[in-house]
Amino acid sequence: MRTMSLKSRSTVKCNAAGADFLEGSGGLSNPGGGRGSDLMSRQWRTSNAAIRLRTFVYPLVLDLLCITISFAVTAMARDMLFSDMSWIFILGLILPSYLVVALNGKVYSIRLLSQPWPAVGRTLRAYLIALGVMTLAGFYLKVSEEFPRLTVALASLLAMTLLTLSRYYFVRFRRAIVGGEPYSVALIWEPHQPVPPIDFSVRIAADGFADPERHDPVMYDRLARALRGVDNVVVSCHANRRAAWTHALKGAGIQSEILMPELQSLAPLGMSLHGTMASVVVSHGPLNLADRLVKRAFDLALASVSVLLLSPMLLLIALLIKLESRGPVFFRQDRIGRSNQVFKILKFRSMTVEGADGHGSRSASRDDDRITRVGKFIRRTSLDELPQLFNVLAGTMSIVGPRPHALGSRAADKLFWEVDTRYWHRHAAKPGLTGLAQVRGYRGATIVEDDLRNRLQADLEYLEAWTIWRDFKIIVATFQVLVHKNAF
């Protein structure tokens, strides 16, 4: 289903005697007349097809202008606008490359052009890929030596700046620029049925206006006129009439949907067929093979290099722990990992052996008498977590992911899964050394229920939109919160 903000709205309220229309801004009006007259006349407005075309063409043209202007201005600034035409050759390579990459990457999709910063990110990535393609083409054509490198670098910086500004402001003011929303959605609802809280383009009360169980040409014609120009229709009806509405809308030539509120608790992701029987998809599997390989290679490379570089520090911390108190250097504890499977996590021991809580039912507090002097320092600086690099190498953890919790962890005297049943959803990926929740400052003891809910929401957000680039940004942001007021 397309998700959009719909401002132009009209309401149709119908009774058995005919139709009584409440006119909206760009929807239906009632010019008078009975059942046989044309009850469905539309006020003039830009068609959805024209708006969709503008939504595609305008940013495409803007991108080409931004890139062309950037190279021309740079050539002019370097006094080579007419004296050295190599910049035109470079522009001739990069423009088609950019178009191919942008179109293939769905840079101009309506869904993306509803979100300013994701749209900017996808646009810049397309330009950088096109720049790489242009460089590679120059190398194979054996003309890369003739490229004015400074011109390309300066023009690219200017192009990326202009692309960022033009895309951001286009998305922010898209509706005003293109003349409206690209899709119109109609709602048909029956008495006492729930209505989704969005602004539909057309709202039709079905009672007395359309009965899907009647095979009546007049009724079908009336319904067709009401839905003329609509791209999507949503029906909220009684459960025992869903099949009838499905039958009635099969021939409407419009994307049609039947509301099923009881599925809301399942949060289905799609549908699947097993023979002749349908099922709803409620969970995706792991990342695809290519993404899993990229993430695992990233984990192995970073963990291996970190262990080698930090080995003197690891040995020093181990020695200090051993000198201060008797007992093992490492603390092992059961934690919940990927697929809700329990694994052993490694940490530097920061508490006395007698005070160690293997079940994790008691969170560490600021003045916890179980914590040693060395333990206080390594917990404050997060150095106690470094042995988890070996968990990463072993494959039970990742560098970035939801932090693993002990089985007895509590918030406000409730087990985590008693606070929010979605808690188990966060284990769809390997747990991480750091995560989105941590860089947002959600760490330390869980005193109240919201301490857990904030972390859970961040973890689910991370799982929803994973990219290796986001992992990299989280790692960089982690260095800013290694020393944190809630780390004790």
Protein backbone atom coordinates (compact mmCIF):
# COMPACT_ATOMS: atom_id res chain seq x y z
CA MET A 1 0.00 0.00 0.00
CA ARG A 2 1.29 3.48 -0.79
CA THR A 3 1.80 5.67 2.24
CA MET A 4 1.15 9.34 1.74
CA SER A 5 -0.26 12.49 3.26
CA LEU A 6 -3.56 13.38 1.64
CA LYS A 7 -4.82 16.92 1.91
CA SER A 8 -7.38 17.22 -0.89
CA ARG A 9 -10.50 15.57 0.48
CA SER A 10 -14.14 15.13 -0.35
CA THR A 11 -16.84 13.34 1.57
CA VAL A 12 -19.72 11.39 0.08
CA LYS A 13 -22.63 10.62 2.38
CA CYS A 14 -25.32 8.49 0.80
CA ASN A 15 -28.76 7.27 1.73
CA ALA A 16 -31.24 4.90 0.18
CA ALA A 17 -33.14 7.57 -1.70
CA GLY A 18 -30.17 8.71 -3.72
CA ALA A 19 -27.03 10.60 -2.80
CA ASP A 20 -26.27 13.61 -0.64
CA PHE A 21 -22.76 14.89 -1.27
CA LEU A 22 -20.63 17.02 1.01
CA GLU A 23 -18.30 18.85 -1.36
CA GLY A 24 -14.55 18.84 -0.71
CA SER A 25 -11.61 20.76 -2.14
CA GLY A 26 -11.06 18.95 -5.37
CA GLY A 27 -13.37 16.02 -4.94
CA LEU A 28 -17.05 15.43 -5.66
CA SER A 29 -19.89 17.88 -6.02
CA ASN A 30 -23.63 17.47 -6.48
CA PRO A 31 -24.98 19.50 -9.36
CA GLY A 32 -28.50 18.28 -8.64
CA GLY A 33 -30.58 15.66 -10.35
CA GLY A 34 -31.81 12.24 -9.41
CA ARG A 35 -30.36 8.78 -9.50
CA GLY A 36 -30.17 8.73 -13.30
CA SER A 37 -28.33 12.03 -13.70
CA ASP A 38 -24.58 12.52 -13.56
CA LEU A 39 -24.13 12.87 -9.82
CA MET A 40 -20.36 12.59 -9.90
CA SER A 41 -18.88 15.75 -11.43
CA ARG A 42 -15.39 16.73 -10.36
CA GLN A 43 -14.04 20.20 -9.74
CA TRP A 44 -11.04 20.97 -11.90
CA ARG A 45 -7.65 20.18 -10.46
CA THR A 46 -4.34 18.78 -11.68
CA SER A 47 -4.65 15.10 -12.45
CA ASN A 48 -2.76 12.59 -10.34
CA ALA A 49 -0.99 11.30 -13.44
CA ALA A 50 0.35 14.80 -14.16
CA ILE A 51 1.46 15.19 -10.54
CA ARG A 52 3.25 11.83 -10.65
CA LEU A 53 5.02 12.83 -13.86
CA ARG A 54 6.13 16.12 -12.32
CA THR A 55 7.33 14.34 -9.20
CA PHE A 56 9.59 12.23 -11.39
CA VAL A 57 10.71 14.82 -13.96
CA TYR A 58 11.33 17.88 -11.77
CA PRO A 59 14.00 16.35 -9.48
CA LEU A 60 15.60 14.58 -12.44
CA VAL A 61 15.98 17.88 -14.32
CA LEU A 62 17.16 19.61 -11.14
CA ASP A 63 19.89 16.98 -10.67
CA LEU A 64 21.15 17.38 -14.23
CA LEU A 65 21.16 21.16 -13.84
CA CYS A 66 23.01 20.99 -10.50
CA ILE A 67 25.76 18.80 -11.95
CA THR A 68 26.06 20.80 -15.19
CA ILE A 69 26.12 24.17 -13.40
CA SER A 70 28.74 22.90 -10.95
CA PHE A 71 31.14 21.87 -13.70
CA ALA A 72 30.51 25.05 -15.71
CA VAL A 73 31.04 27.34 -12.70
CA THR A 74 34.22 25.49 -11.73
CA ALA A 75 35.56 25.71 -15.29
CA MET A 76 34.74 29.42 -15.34
CA ALA A 77 36.46 30.01 -11.99
CA ARG A 78 39.59 28.27 -13.29
CA ASP A 79 39.46 30.26 -16.53
CA MET A 80 39.00 27.18 -18.70
CA LEU A 81 35.37 27.55 -19.74
CA PHE A 82 36.28 27.96 -23.42
CA SER A 83 40.05 27.48 -23.46
CA ASP A 84 40.04 23.87 -22.19
CA MET A 85 37.00 21.82 -23.19
CA SER A 86 38.01 18.69 -21.25
CA TRP A 87 35.43 19.51 -18.58
CA ILE A 88 32.67 19.05 -21.18
CA PHE A 89 34.05 15.59 -22.00
CA ILE A 90 34.00 14.70 -18.28
CA LEU A 91 30.47 16.06 -17.95
CA GLY A 92 29.46 13.93 -20.94
CA LEU A 93 30.68 10.85 -19.08
CA ILE A 94 29.26 11.62 -15.65
CA LEU A 95 25.72 12.74 -16.63
CA PRO A 96 24.62 9.48 -18.30
CA SER A 97 26.41 7.48 -15.59
CA TYR A 98 24.51 9.39 -12.94
CA LEU A 99 21.18 8.90 -14.71
CA VAL A 100 21.69 5.13 -15.00
CA VAL A 101 22.74 4.79 -11.34
CA ALA A 102 19.95 7.09 -10.08
CA LEU A 103 17.22 5.33 -12.04
CA ASN A 104 18.48 1.90 -11.02
CA GLY A 105 18.69 3.03 -7.38
CA LYS A 106 15.10 4.38 -7.41
CA VAL A 107 16.32 7.87 -6.52
CA TYR A 108 13.11 9.33 -7.99
CA SER A 109 10.64 6.96 -6.34
CA ILE A 110 7.68 8.73 -4.76
CA ARG A 111 8.18 6.88 -1.48
CA LEU A 112 11.77 8.14 -1.21
CA LEU A 113 10.80 11.67 -2.26
CA SER A 114 8.63 11.90 0.85
CA GLN A 115 11.62 11.76 3.23
CA PRO A 116 14.16 14.62 2.96
CA TRP A 117 17.33 13.11 4.39
CA PRO A 118 16.99 9.57 2.98
CA ALA A 119 16.36 11.22 -0.41
CA VAL A 120 19.50 13.33 -0.02
CA GLY A 121 21.57 10.31 1.02
CA ARG A 122 20.42 8.19 -1.93
CA THR A 123 21.11 11.09 -4.35
CA LEU A 124 24.65 11.66 -3.06
CA ARG A 125 25.39 7.95 -3.17
CA ALA A 126 24.25 7.85 -6.81
CA TYR A 127 26.57 10.75 -7.65
CA LEU A 128 29.57 9.14 -5.94
CA ILE A 129 28.97 5.88 -7.79
CA ALA A 130 28.66 7.79 -11.06
CA LEU A 131 31.93 9.57 -10.28
CA GLY A 132 33.58 6.19 -9.75
CA VAL A 133 32.13 4.87 -13.02
CA MET A 134 33.40 7.96 -14.85
CA THR A 135 36.89 7.48 -13.40
CA LEU A 136 36.89 3.82 -14.38
CA ALA A 137 35.70 4.68 -17.89
CA GLY A 138 38.47 7.25 -18.23
CA PHE A 139 41.02 4.66 -17.17
CA TYR A 140 39.86 2.10 -19.74
CA LEU A 141 39.65 4.77 -22.45
CA LYS A 142 43.21 5.77 -21.50
CA VAL A 143 42.25 9.41 -21.07
CA SER A 144 42.34 9.60 -17.28
CA GLU A 145 45.75 11.25 -17.39
CA GLU A 146 44.20 14.15 -19.25
CA PHE A 147 41.48 14.68 -16.64
CA PRO A 148 41.82 18.03 -14.84
CA ARG A 149 41.71 16.43 -11.39
CA LEU A 150 41.33 19.67 -9.45
CA THR A 151 38.43 20.70 -11.66
CA VAL A 152 36.72 17.36 -11.14
CA ALA A 153 37.25 17.52 -7.36
CA LEU A 154 35.99 21.10 -6.99
CA ALA A 155 33.06 20.56 -9.36
CA SER A 156 32.07 17.40 -7.49
CA LEU A 157 32.10 19.16 -4.13
CA LEU A 158 29.94 21.94 -5.55
CA ALA A 159 27.64 19.41 -7.27
CA MET A 160 27.13 17.46 -4.04
CA THR A 161 26.33 20.68 -2.20
CA LEU A 162 23.79 21.76 -4.81
CA LEU A 163 22.29 18.27 -5.01
CA THR A 164 21.86 18.23 -1.24
CA LEU A 165 20.15 21.63 -1.14
CA SER A 166 17.93 21.04 -4.18
CA ARG A 167 16.79 17.60 -3.05
CA TYR A 168 16.14 18.63 0.54
CA TYR A 169 14.03 21.66 -0.39
CA PHE A 170 12.26 19.84 -3.20
CA VAL A 171 11.10 17.14 -0.79
CA ARG A 172 10.18 19.69 1.89
CA PHE A 173 8.01 21.68 -0.53
CA ARG A 174 7.16 18.89 -2.97
CA ARG A 175 3.40 19.22 -2.70
CA ALA A 176 3.46 22.93 -3.52
CA ILE A 177 5.97 22.47 -6.34
CA VAL A 178 4.21 19.64 -8.18
CA GLY A 179 0.66 20.75 -7.41
CA GLY A 180 -0.56 18.16 -4.92
CA GLU A 181 -0.19 14.55 -3.87
CA PRO A 182 0.61 12.00 -6.59
CA TYR A 183 -1.98 9.45 -5.46
CA SER A 184 -5.59 9.72 -4.32
CA VAL A 185 -7.07 7.18 -1.91
CA ALA A 186 -10.78 6.56 -1.31
CA LEU A 187 -12.38 5.05 1.77
CA ILE A 188 -15.60 3.03 1.70
CA TRP A 189 -16.95 2.28 5.15
CA GLU A 190 -19.94 0.47 6.54
CA PRO A 191 -21.81 1.50 9.71
CA HIS A 192 -20.00 0.94 13.02
CA GLN A 193 -16.74 -0.04 11.31
CA PRO A 194 -13.34 1.50 12.20
CA VAL A 195 -11.94 4.28 10.01
CA PRO A 196 -8.14 4.66 9.63
CA PRO A 197 -6.88 8.00 11.03
CA ILE A 198 -5.59 9.42 7.72
CA ASP A 199 -6.91 12.12 5.41
CA PHE A 200 -8.55 10.24 2.52
CA SER A 201 -9.17 11.98 -0.80
CA VAL A 202 -12.73 10.59 -1.00
CA ARG A 203 -14.86 9.11 1.78
CA ILE A 204 -17.95 7.09 0.86
CA ALA A 205 -20.50 5.83 3.37
CA ALA A 206 -21.62 2.52 1.86
CA ASP A 207 -24.95 2.28 3.69
CA GLY A 208 -27.69 2.66 1.07
CA PHE A 209 -25.19 3.61 -1.64
CA ALA A 210 -23.43 0.39 -2.57
CA ASP A 211 -24.30 -3.16 -1.56
CA PRO A 212 -21.69 -5.64 -2.85
CA GLU A 213 -24.09 -8.54 -2.42
CA ARG A 214 -26.42 -7.09 -5.06
CA HIS A 215 -25.41 -7.70 -8.66
CA ASP A 216 -26.97 -4.48 -9.89
CA PRO A 217 -25.51 -2.63 -12.94
CA VAL A 218 -26.86 0.69 -11.63
CA MET A 219 -25.12 0.20 -8.29
CA TYR A 220 -21.85 -0.79 -10.00
CA ASP A 221 -22.09 2.27 -12.25
CA ARG A 222 -22.70 4.55 -9.26
CA LEU A 223 -19.69 3.08 -7.48
CA ALA A 224 -17.51 3.44 -10.58
CA ARG A 225 -18.43 7.12 -10.90
CA ALA A 226 -17.65 7.74 -7.23
CA LEU A 227 -14.20 6.14 -7.66
CA ARG A 228 -13.38 7.86 -10.94
CA GLY A 229 -9.81 9.24 -10.82
CA VAL A 230 -9.00 7.36 -7.61
CA ASP A 231 -5.76 5.35 -7.48
CA ASN A 232 -6.46 3.24 -4.41
CA VAL A 233 -9.63 2.28 -2.51
CA VAL A 234 -9.76 0.99 1.07
CA VAL A 235 -12.87 -0.77 2.37
CA SER A 236 -13.79 -1.00 6.06
CA CYS A 237 -16.62 -3.51 6.27
CA HIS A 238 -18.08 -6.26 8.43
CA ALA A 239 -16.03 -9.46 8.44
CA ASN A 240 -18.80 -11.51 6.83
CA ARG A 241 -18.98 -9.09 3.87
CA ARG A 242 -15.28 -9.00 2.97
CA ALA A 243 -15.64 -11.67 0.29
CA ALA A 244 -18.55 -9.75 -1.28
CA TRP A 245 -16.58 -6.48 -1.39
CA THR A 246 -13.57 -8.31 -2.81
CA HIS A 247 -15.79 -9.69 -5.57
CA ALA A 248 -17.33 -6.25 -6.25
CA LEU A 249 -13.94 -4.51 -6.57
CA LYS A 250 -12.11 -7.13 -8.64
CA GLY A 251 -13.31 -5.47 -11.84
CA ALA A 252 -12.94 -1.86 -10.68
CA GLY A 253 -9.50 -1.46 -12.25
CA ILE A 254 -8.24 0.17 -9.04
CA GLN A 255 -5.87 -1.12 -6.39
CA SER A 256 -8.34 -2.27 -3.75
CA GLU A 257 -7.76 -3.24 -0.13
CA ILE A 258 -9.95 -4.68 2.61
CA LEU A 259 -9.23 -3.56 6.18
CA MET A 260 -8.64 -6.41 8.64
CA PRO A 261 -8.04 -4.76 12.04
CA GLU A 262 -7.56 -8.12 13.76
CA LEU A 263 -4.27 -8.50 11.87
CA GLN A 264 -2.86 -5.39 13.54
CA SER A 265 -1.46 -7.35 16.48
CA LEU A 266 0.38 -9.63 14.02
CA ALA A 267 1.94 -6.66 12.14
CA PRO A 268 2.10 -8.70 8.90
CA LEU A 269 4.84 -7.90 6.39
CA GLY A 270 3.15 -9.48 3.37
CA MET A 271 1.37 -12.56 2.10
CA SER A 272 2.53 -15.93 0.88
CA LEU A 273 0.89 -18.95 -0.77
CA HIS A 274 1.36 -22.59 0.20
CA GLY A 275 -0.39 -24.55 -2.48
CA THR A 276 -3.90 -23.11 -2.54
CA MET A 277 -3.75 -21.78 1.04
CA ALA A 278 -2.70 -18.22 1.90
CA SER A 279 -0.63 -17.13 4.88
CA VAL A 280 0.55 -13.78 6.23
CA VAL A 281 4.29 -13.14 6.56
CA VAL A 282 4.97 -11.93 10.11
CA SER A 283 8.78 -11.97 10.13
CA HIS A 284 11.58 -11.70 7.62
CA GLY A 285 14.52 -14.08 7.70
CA PRO A 286 18.13 -12.94 8.17
CA LEU A 287 19.85 -10.45 5.90
CA ASN A 288 20.36 -11.70 2.36
CA LEU A 289 23.57 -13.61 1.65
CA ALA A 290 25.46 -10.63 0.21
CA ASP A 291 24.60 -8.40 3.21
CA ARG A 292 25.50 -11.18 5.67
CA LEU A 293 28.89 -11.61 3.98
CA VAL A 294 29.53 -7.87 4.10
CA LYS A 295 28.57 -7.60 7.78
CA ARG A 296 30.57 -10.67 8.79
CA ALA A 297 33.65 -9.53 6.86
CA PHE A 298 33.34 -6.12 8.49
CA ASP A 299 33.07 -7.73 11.95
CA LEU A 300 36.06 -10.04 11.41
CA ALA A 301 38.28 -7.30 9.99
CA LEU A 302 37.49 -4.80 12.73
CA ALA A 303 37.63 -7.32 15.59
CA SER A 304 40.93 -8.85 14.40
CA VAL A 305 42.64 -5.50 14.00
CA SER A 306 41.24 -4.28 17.35
CA VAL A 307 42.52 -7.35 19.23
CA LEU A 308 46.00 -6.92 17.73
CA LEU A 309 46.18 -3.19 18.44
CA LEU A 310 44.65 -3.43 21.91
CA SER A 311 46.50 -6.55 23.09
CA PRO A 312 48.91 -4.56 25.36
CA MET A 313 45.91 -2.85 27.02
CA LEU A 314 44.05 -6.16 27.35
CA LEU A 315 47.05 -7.74 29.07
CA LEU A 316 47.50 -4.74 31.38
CA ILE A 317 43.83 -4.78 32.46
CA ALA A 318 43.99 -8.55 33.04
CA LEU A 319 47.10 -8.07 35.22
CA LEU A 320 45.50 -5.28 37.28
CA ILE A 321 42.38 -7.36 37.89
CA LYS A 322 44.48 -10.31 39.01
CA LEU A 323 46.61 -8.17 41.35
CA GLU A 324 43.63 -6.49 43.04
CA SER A 325 41.43 -9.48 43.88
CA ARG A 326 41.45 -13.21 43.68
CA GLY A 327 39.40 -14.97 41.04
CA PRO A 328 39.27 -15.26 37.25
CA VAL A 329 40.13 -12.37 34.95
CA PHE A 330 37.05 -12.87 32.81
CA PHE A 331 33.42 -12.86 33.83
CA ARG A 332 31.16 -15.20 31.83
CA GLN A 333 27.41 -14.78 31.87
CA ASP A 334 24.43 -16.20 30.00
CA ARG A 335 22.95 -13.63 27.65
CA ILE A 336 20.14 -13.75 25.08
CA GLY A 337 21.56 -13.77 21.56
CA ARG A 338 20.36 -14.08 18.00
CA SER A 339 17.14 -16.06 17.48
CA ASN A 340 16.60 -15.85 21.29
CA GLN A 341 19.35 -18.43 21.79
CA VAL A 342 21.40 -18.16 24.99
CA PHE A 343 25.19 -17.78 24.70
CA LYS A 344 28.11 -17.03 27.05
CA ILE A 345 29.30 -13.43 26.95
CA LEU A 346 32.85 -12.45 27.95
CA LYS A 347 33.67 -9.39 30.04
CA PHE A 348 36.55 -8.33 32.23
CA ARG A 349 35.58 -9.11 35.83
CA SER A 350 34.75 -5.82 37.54
CA MET A 351 33.23 -7.18 40.77
CA THR A 352 34.40 -9.37 43.58
CA VAL A 353 33.87 -13.07 43.04
CA GLU A 354 31.41 -13.17 45.93
CA GLY A 355 29.38 -10.27 44.54
CA ALA A 356 29.20 -11.45 40.94
CA ASP A 357 25.63 -11.93 39.76
CA GLY A 358 25.61 -14.63 37.10
CA HIS A 359 21.86 -14.36 36.54
CA GLY A 360 21.88 -10.58 36.15
CA SER A 361 18.85 -9.99 38.36
CA ARG A 362 20.56 -7.11 40.20
CA SER A 363 21.74 -4.19 38.07
CA ALA A 364 24.91 -2.38 39.05
CA SER A 365 24.30 0.90 40.87
CA ARG A 366 26.43 4.04 41.16
CA ASP A 367 27.79 3.19 44.64
CA ASP A 368 27.68 -0.59 44.26
CA ASP A 369 29.87 -2.17 46.96
CA ARG A 370 30.47 -5.24 44.77
CA ILE A 371 32.57 -3.30 42.25
CA THR A 372 36.35 -3.28 42.72
CA ARG A 373 38.57 -0.22 42.22
CA VAL A 374 39.84 -1.50 38.89
CA GLY A 375 36.29 -2.53 38.04
CA LYS A 376 34.99 0.98 38.68
CA PHE A 377 37.50 2.42 36.19
CA ILE A 378 36.97 -0.14 33.42
CA ARG A 379 33.18 0.07 33.76
CA ARG A 380 33.28 3.86 33.66
CA THR A 381 35.34 3.78 30.45
CA SER A 382 33.56 0.72 28.97
CA LEU A 383 36.88 -1.16 28.85
CA ASP A 384 35.22 -4.10 30.63
CA GLU A 385 33.40 -4.83 27.35
CA LEU A 386 36.60 -5.34 25.26
CA PRO A 387 36.73 -9.17 25.67
CA GLN A 388 33.52 -9.30 23.64
CA LEU A 389 35.78 -8.86 20.62
CA PHE A 390 36.44 -12.59 21.08
CA ASN A 391 32.66 -13.18 20.99
CA VAL A 392 32.63 -11.32 17.68
CA LEU A 393 35.45 -13.49 16.31
CA ALA A 394 33.58 -16.60 17.49
CA GLY A 395 30.45 -15.49 15.66
CA THR A 396 28.11 -15.17 18.66
CA MET A 397 28.16 -11.37 18.51
CA SER A 398 28.60 -8.58 15.99
CA ILE A 399 30.37 -5.23 16.33
CA VAL A 400 27.02 -3.41 15.99
CA GLY A 401 23.65 -4.75 17.05
CA PRO A 402 21.20 -4.75 19.98
CA ARG A 403 23.10 -5.12 23.26
CA PRO A 404 22.60 -8.59 24.82
CA HIS A 405 20.85 -8.68 28.19
CA ALA A 406 21.13 -11.11 31.09
CA LEU A 407 18.25 -13.51 31.63
CA GLY A 408 17.24 -11.90 34.91
CA SER A 409 17.43 -8.26 33.79
CA ARG A 410 14.61 -6.16 35.18
CA ALA A 411 13.05 -2.73 34.78
CA ALA A 412 10.92 -1.46 37.66
CA ASP A 413 10.95 -4.98 39.18
CA LYS A 414 9.62 -6.53 35.98
CA LEU A 415 11.50 -8.84 33.64
CA PHE A 416 12.22 -7.06 30.37
CA TRP A 417 9.74 -9.13 28.36
CA GLU A 418 7.05 -8.39 30.96
CA VAL A 419 7.47 -4.66 30.29
CA ASP A 420 7.00 -4.96 26.52
CA THR A 421 6.20 -8.19 24.68
CA ARG A 422 8.06 -6.88 21.61
CA TYR A 423 11.27 -7.45 23.58
CA TRP A 424 11.82 -10.81 21.87
CA HIS A 425 11.73 -9.15 18.42
CA ARG A 426 15.07 -7.42 19.03
CA HIS A 427 16.87 -10.75 18.85
CA ALA A 428 16.33 -11.16 15.11
CA ALA A 429 19.99 -10.17 14.64
CA LYS A 430 23.24 -10.92 16.43
CA PRO A 431 23.78 -8.82 19.55
CA GLY A 432 26.46 -6.15 19.30
CA LEU A 433 29.31 -4.56 21.20
CA THR A 434 27.55 -1.28 20.61
CA GLY A 435 24.23 -0.27 19.12
CA LEU A 436 21.86 2.54 18.24
CA ALA A 437 20.42 2.61 21.76
CA GLN A 438 23.88 3.08 23.28
CA VAL A 439 24.89 6.00 21.06
CA ARG A 440 21.58 7.68 21.93
CA GLY A 441 22.52 7.49 25.59
CA TYR A 442 20.21 4.66 26.65
CA ARG A 443 22.53 2.68 28.89
CA GLY A 444 23.07 1.96 32.56
CA ALA A 445 20.54 0.69 35.08
CA THR A 446 16.90 0.26 34.05
CA ILE A 447 15.15 1.93 36.97
CA VAL A 448 11.81 2.63 35.31
CA GLU A 449 9.99 0.87 32.48
CA ASP A 450 10.75 3.64 29.99
CA ASP A 451 14.47 2.90 30.40
CA LEU A 452 13.78 -0.42 28.70
CA ARG A 453 11.23 0.91 26.21
CA ASN A 454 13.64 3.57 24.91
CA ARG A 455 16.32 0.95 24.25
CA LEU A 456 13.85 -1.43 22.69
CA GLN A 457 12.52 1.21 20.31
CA ALA A 458 16.05 2.08 19.16
CA ASP A 459 16.92 -1.61 18.67
CA LEU A 460 13.82 -2.25 16.56
CA GLU A 461 14.57 0.87 14.51
CA TYR A 462 18.08 -0.46 13.84
CA LEU A 463 16.74 -3.83 12.70
CA GLU A 464 14.18 -2.18 10.42
CA ALA A 465 16.70 -0.36 8.23
CA TRP A 466 20.14 -1.99 8.42
CA THR A 467 22.98 -0.81 6.20
CA ILE A 468 26.74 -1.25 6.59
CA TRP A 469 27.05 2.54 6.35
CA ARG A 470 24.78 2.88 9.40
CA ASP A 471 26.96 0.39 11.29
CA PHE A 472 29.98 2.56 10.50
CA LYS A 473 28.23 5.72 11.74
CA ILE A 474 27.20 3.99 14.98
CA ILE A 475 30.81 2.90 15.58
CA VAL A 476 32.06 6.45 15.08
CA ALA A 477 29.34 7.80 17.40
CA THR A 478 30.25 5.20 20.04
CA PHE A 479 33.57 6.93 20.74
CA GLN A 480 31.60 9.97 21.91
CA VAL A 481 29.78 7.97 24.60
CA LEU A 482 32.51 5.62 25.86
CA VAL A 483 32.61 7.68 29.04
CA HIS A 484 28.99 8.23 30.04
CA LYS A 485 27.21 9.42 33.19
CA ASN A 486 25.18 6.17 33.25
CA ALA A 487 28.25 3.90 32.96
CA PHE A 488 28.95 2.50 36.43
